Protein backbone atom coordinates (compact mmCIF):
# COMPACT_ATOMS: atom_id res chain seq x y z
CA MET A 1 72.84 60.13 98.96
CA PRO A 2 69.74 62.16 98.14
CA PRO A 3 70.15 65.92 97.24
CA LEU A 4 69.65 68.40 100.02
CA ILE A 5 66.48 70.40 100.16
CA GLU A 6 67.22 73.90 101.12
CA ASP A 7 64.13 74.11 103.46
CA GLU A 8 65.10 70.90 105.24
CA PRO A 9 66.53 71.66 108.73
CA PHE A 10 69.50 69.33 109.36
CA LEU A 11 72.36 71.36 110.91
CA THR A 12 72.77 71.56 114.56
CA ILE A 13 73.37 74.89 116.28
CA GLY A 14 77.02 73.98 116.90
CA VAL A 15 77.59 73.10 113.31
CA ALA A 16 75.76 76.25 112.08
CA ALA A 17 77.77 78.40 114.41
CA ARG A 18 81.10 76.93 113.29
CA GLN A 19 80.14 77.47 109.60
CA LEU A 20 79.28 81.11 110.27
CA GLY A 21 82.33 81.71 112.44
CA VAL A 22 80.29 82.79 115.45
CA ALA A 23 79.50 81.50 118.89
CA VAL A 24 76.48 79.38 119.59
CA GLN A 25 75.30 82.13 122.05
CA THR A 26 75.22 84.52 119.05
CA LEU A 27 72.72 82.29 117.22
CA ARG A 28 70.66 82.02 120.31
CA LEU A 29 70.66 85.84 120.56
CA TYR A 30 69.47 86.13 116.99
CA GLU A 31 66.62 83.67 117.67
CA LYS A 32 65.72 85.52 120.90
CA SER A 33 65.63 88.69 119.07
CA GLY A 34 63.32 87.29 116.39
CA LEU A 35 65.74 87.45 113.48
CA ILE A 36 65.67 83.67 112.90
CA LEU A 37 63.32 80.81 113.53
CA PRO A 38 65.25 77.57 113.70
CA ALA A 39 63.22 74.37 113.46
CA ARG A 40 62.98 72.36 116.61
CA THR A 41 63.18 68.62 117.14
CA PRO A 42 60.61 67.03 119.49
CA SER A 43 63.27 67.20 122.16
CA GLY A 44 63.83 70.92 121.57
CA ARG A 45 67.11 70.84 119.65
CA ARG A 46 67.63 73.63 117.22
CA LEU A 47 68.08 72.63 113.54
CA TYR A 48 68.95 74.99 110.69
CA SER A 49 68.26 74.56 106.98
CA MET A 50 70.33 75.91 104.10
CA LYS A 51 67.79 78.84 103.73
CA ASP A 52 68.32 79.55 107.49
CA MET A 53 72.04 79.60 106.94
CA GLU A 54 71.58 82.18 104.02
CA ARG A 55 69.50 84.26 106.37
CA LEU A 56 72.16 84.03 109.08
CA ARG A 57 74.92 85.02 106.59
CA CYS A 58 72.82 88.09 105.54
CA ILE A 59 72.28 89.05 109.23
CA ARG A 60 76.10 88.77 109.77
CA GLU A 61 76.74 90.92 106.80
CA LEU A 62 74.21 93.57 107.89
CA ILE A 63 75.99 93.67 111.22
CA THR A 64 79.61 93.44 110.16
CA LYS A 65 79.66 95.21 106.82
CA GLU A 66 76.73 97.55 106.96
CA GLY A 67 76.93 98.58 110.60
CA LEU A 68 73.37 97.70 111.61
CA ASN A 69 72.58 96.46 115.08
CA ILE A 70 70.05 93.89 115.98
CA ASN A 71 67.33 96.48 116.72
CA GLY A 72 68.05 98.05 113.28
CA ILE A 73 67.55 94.75 111.63
CA ARG A 74 64.33 94.03 113.60
CA LYS A 75 63.01 97.39 112.52
CA MET A 76 63.91 96.66 108.88
CA LEU A 77 62.29 93.26 109.09
CA SER A 78 59.08 94.81 110.59
CA LEU A 79 58.65 96.77 107.27
CA ILE A 80 58.18 93.70 105.20
CA PRO A 81 54.51 93.74 104.13
CA CYS A 82 53.45 90.37 105.59
CA TRP A 83 49.83 90.99 104.59
CA GLU A 84 50.81 90.70 100.98
CA TYR A 85 51.66 87.06 101.67
CA LYS A 86 48.30 86.47 103.34
CA GLY A 87 45.91 87.73 100.75
CA GLY A 88 46.16 91.45 101.17
CA ILE A 89 44.92 93.89 103.79
CA ASP A 90 41.57 93.12 105.43
CA GLU A 91 39.89 93.54 108.82
CA ASP A 92 42.08 90.76 110.27
CA CYS A 93 45.24 92.60 109.25
CA LEU A 94 43.96 95.92 110.62
CA GLU A 95 43.57 94.32 114.03
CA CYS A 96 47.00 92.57 113.93
CA GLN A 97 49.83 94.14 115.93
CA ALA A 98 52.33 93.37 113.14
CA TYR A 99 50.40 95.67 110.87
CA ARG A 100 49.57 98.43 113.42
CA GLU A 101 53.00 98.78 114.98
CA ALA A 102 56.36 98.18 113.31
CA ILE A 103 57.90 96.70 116.44
CA GLY A 104 59.64 93.73 114.91
CA PRO A 105 59.25 90.93 112.32
CA CYS A 106 55.72 89.73 111.97
CA TRP A 107 56.72 86.24 112.97
CA ASN A 108 57.88 87.59 116.29
CA VAL A 109 54.65 89.33 117.22
CA ARG A 110 52.54 87.83 119.85
CA ASP A 111 49.14 89.58 119.24
CA VAL A 112 48.52 88.43 115.66
CA GLY A 113 45.30 88.30 113.57
CA ALA A 114 43.38 85.14 112.96
CA LYS A 115 45.06 84.44 109.70
CA CYS A 116 48.38 83.92 111.44
CA ARG A 117 47.20 82.12 114.54
CA ASN A 118 48.31 78.42 114.66
CA VAL A 119 50.44 78.92 111.53
CA ASP A 120 53.99 77.87 111.22
CA CYS A 121 55.82 81.10 110.50
CA ARG A 122 58.75 79.24 108.98
CA LEU A 123 56.56 78.33 106.11
CA CYS A 124 55.20 81.83 105.46
CA GLY A 125 56.36 83.96 102.47
CA ALA A 126 57.05 86.94 104.71
CA TYR A 127 59.61 84.83 106.52
CA HIS A 128 61.27 83.48 103.33
CA VAL A 129 61.27 86.80 101.48
CA TYR A 130 64.34 87.98 103.47
CA MET A 131 66.56 85.06 102.30
CA SER A 132 69.01 87.34 100.47
CA CYS A 133 70.68 90.55 101.47
CA LYS A 134 70.64 91.64 97.85
CA ASN A 135 66.80 91.62 97.59
CA ILE A 136 65.63 93.14 100.89
CA LYS A 137 66.02 96.78 99.58
CA ASN A 138 63.95 95.90 96.49
CA ILE A 139 61.21 94.37 98.62
CA LEU A 140 61.02 97.36 101.00
CA PHE A 141 61.16 100.08 98.30
CA LYS A 142 58.83 98.31 95.91
CA GLN A 143 56.18 98.21 98.68
CA ARG A 144 56.78 101.83 99.54
CA SER A 145 56.26 102.79 95.84
CA ARG A 146 52.96 100.79 95.75
CA ASP A 147 51.80 102.47 98.81
CA LYS A 148 52.60 105.99 97.51
CA ARG A 149 50.65 105.27 94.36
CA LYS A 150 47.63 104.32 96.44
CA ILE A 151 47.94 107.38 98.67
CA THR A 152 48.97 110.06 96.27
CA PRO A 153 45.96 111.50 94.44
CA ASN A 154 46.33 111.93 90.63
CA ILE A 155 46.25 115.66 89.81
CA ASN A 156 45.01 114.92 86.31
CA GLU A 157 41.85 113.23 87.51
């Protein structure tokens, strides 16, 4: 038997729900809310990869242990600097709704810039960066520190 590739979607929604100890409807709600992007078969069946399962475990932890709700998680995900995974800020980013408004994860925004049109968001670094609950704080605060350095004038200059 060949080894599993963590990006390879193979778990059905029922199996994923059982492994997580949640109802299938819960996973559908997370998808509808933009927290997860399951792969789809040509017939429309949802399939989850091992990375998706890690994301779902993190979502469950944020809800059950940290007390966040779905809107709180959406807001947190909207702060991931997706433009850093697309070559930096440019005119296209400035026109993108994901950059202008922190309304949800970039992969859930309809009015995206040209860089992101016709792109599979499951393959984007901005989607994969959230794979571990342990690293999300580092990602958000590291970006905030970079932004402050860019904005804060150096008094000694």
